[in-house]
Amino acid sequence: MQEEKMNNEYKEFIRVKRGNNKLVLQVLQIKWNGPHTPVSKWVTVKTLETSVDLVKLDEEIALLLNTTKYFGFCTKCERNLLKGWMHSDNYCQSCAAQEFQIVY
């Protein structure tokens, strides 16, 4: 049950594509082109054999969620979010807006 929750909660940030007998693990990256213009692109972070079992794939996704290059952890809402949606190392933009009245 928890595995399904993780897959559903993060499926907009992480995807697995199949191609050329490989599985490609990708993460969405958000950069800001000005204060109101997010620019997103999919970045390949790992290539796996198609024979990899689901447990190993889930482990790879869990490792990716803890990679600070791509994700941050909000100490207020306790969620892993894309680095581009973080206000700081400790707060996401949404919680920073509520906590510190920051306007995005």
Protein backbone atom coordinates (compact mmCIF):
# COMPACT_ATOMS: atom_id res chain seq x y z
CA MET A 1 0.00 0.00 0.00
CA GLN A 2 2.78 2.47 0.88
CA GLU A 3 4.57 1.76 -2.41
CA GLU A 4 1.44 2.75 -4.34
CA LYS A 5 1.21 6.00 -2.37
CA MET A 6 4.83 6.86 -3.17
CA ASN A 7 4.35 6.10 -6.86
CA ASN A 8 1.16 8.14 -7.06
CA GLU A 9 2.46 11.06 -5.01
CA TYR A 10 5.66 11.48 -6.99
CA LYS A 11 4.59 10.36 -10.45
CA GLU A 12 4.47 13.96 -11.67
CA PHE A 13 8.16 14.39 -10.66
CA ILE A 14 9.67 11.00 -11.54
CA ARG A 15 9.09 8.80 -14.55
CA VAL A 16 10.40 5.54 -15.92
CA LYS A 17 10.65 5.19 -19.68
CA ARG A 18 11.36 2.01 -21.60
CA GLY A 19 13.66 2.09 -24.60
CA ASN A 20 16.34 -0.01 -26.31
CA ASN A 21 16.07 -2.84 -23.76
CA LYS A 22 16.72 -0.37 -20.92
CA LEU A 23 14.65 1.43 -18.33
CA VAL A 24 15.42 5.11 -18.05
CA LEU A 25 14.75 6.80 -14.70
CA GLN A 26 14.06 10.51 -15.14
CA VAL A 27 13.29 13.38 -12.80
CA LEU A 28 11.61 16.69 -13.59
CA GLN A 29 13.83 19.72 -13.05
CA ILE A 30 12.38 23.18 -12.51
CA LYS A 31 14.40 26.33 -13.13
CA TRP A 32 13.01 29.83 -12.91
CA ASN A 33 13.24 32.21 -15.85
CA GLY A 34 12.12 35.24 -13.90
CA PRO A 35 9.87 35.41 -10.83
CA HIS A 36 6.75 33.96 -12.48
CA THR A 37 8.13 31.76 -15.24
CA PRO A 38 9.06 28.21 -14.29
CA VAL A 39 10.86 26.22 -16.97
CA SER A 40 10.78 22.45 -16.64
CA LYS A 41 12.66 19.65 -18.34
CA TRP A 42 13.07 15.92 -17.81
CA VAL A 43 16.60 14.82 -16.87
CA THR A 44 17.83 11.23 -17.11
CA VAL A 45 19.39 10.23 -13.80
CA LYS A 46 19.86 6.47 -14.20
CA THR A 47 19.59 3.72 -16.79
CA LEU A 48 18.65 0.21 -15.64
CA GLU A 49 18.30 -3.15 -17.32
CA THR A 50 14.71 -4.06 -18.23
CA SER A 51 15.15 -7.22 -16.16
CA VAL A 52 15.37 -5.18 -12.92
CA ASP A 53 12.77 -6.32 -10.39
CA LEU A 54 10.17 -3.95 -8.94
CA VAL A 55 11.76 -3.96 -5.48
CA LYS A 56 15.05 -2.71 -6.94
CA LEU A 57 13.20 -0.10 -9.01
CA ASP A 58 11.38 1.14 -5.89
CA GLU A 59 14.75 1.34 -4.09
CA GLU A 60 16.19 3.43 -6.92
CA ILE A 61 13.19 5.79 -6.75
CA ALA A 62 13.55 6.11 -2.96
CA LEU A 63 17.26 6.94 -3.38
CA LEU A 64 16.37 9.55 -5.99
CA LEU A 65 13.85 11.20 -3.64
CA ASN A 66 16.66 11.64 -1.11
CA THR A 67 19.08 13.14 -3.63
CA THR A 68 19.48 16.79 -2.69
CA LYS A 69 20.53 17.69 -6.22
CA TYR A 70 16.92 17.16 -7.35
CA PHE A 71 14.75 17.21 -4.21
CA GLY A 72 14.39 19.13 -0.98
CA PHE A 73 12.51 18.20 2.18
CA CYS A 74 10.13 20.72 3.73
CA THR A 75 10.27 20.51 7.52
CA LYS A 76 6.82 22.09 7.85
CA CYS A 77 4.66 19.98 5.48
CA GLU A 78 7.13 17.05 5.62
CA ARG A 79 7.15 16.43 1.87
CA ASN A 80 9.89 15.78 -0.63
CA LEU A 81 9.54 18.38 -3.36
CA LEU A 82 11.47 19.35 -6.43
CA LYS A 83 14.43 21.58 -5.66
CA GLY A 84 12.89 24.25 -7.89
CA TRP A 85 9.85 24.44 -5.59
CA MET A 86 11.86 24.96 -2.43
CA HIS A 87 12.21 28.40 -0.84
CA SER A 88 15.21 27.30 1.23
CA ASP A 89 16.77 24.11 2.52
CA ASN A 90 13.99 23.81 5.12
CA TYR A 91 10.81 25.22 3.56
CA CYS A 92 8.94 24.75 0.31
CA GLN A 93 7.58 27.85 -1.39
CA SER A 94 4.03 27.17 -0.18
CA CYS A 95 5.00 26.79 3.49
CA ALA A 96 7.36 29.79 3.29
CA ALA A 97 4.46 31.88 1.99
CA GLN A 98 2.28 30.77 4.92
CA GLU A 99 5.01 30.94 7.57
CA PHE A 100 6.83 34.12 6.52
CA GLN A 101 4.20 35.86 4.31
CA ILE A 102 6.52 35.61 1.32
CA VAL A 103 4.73 36.35 -1.94
CA TYR A 104 5.63 34.30 -5.03
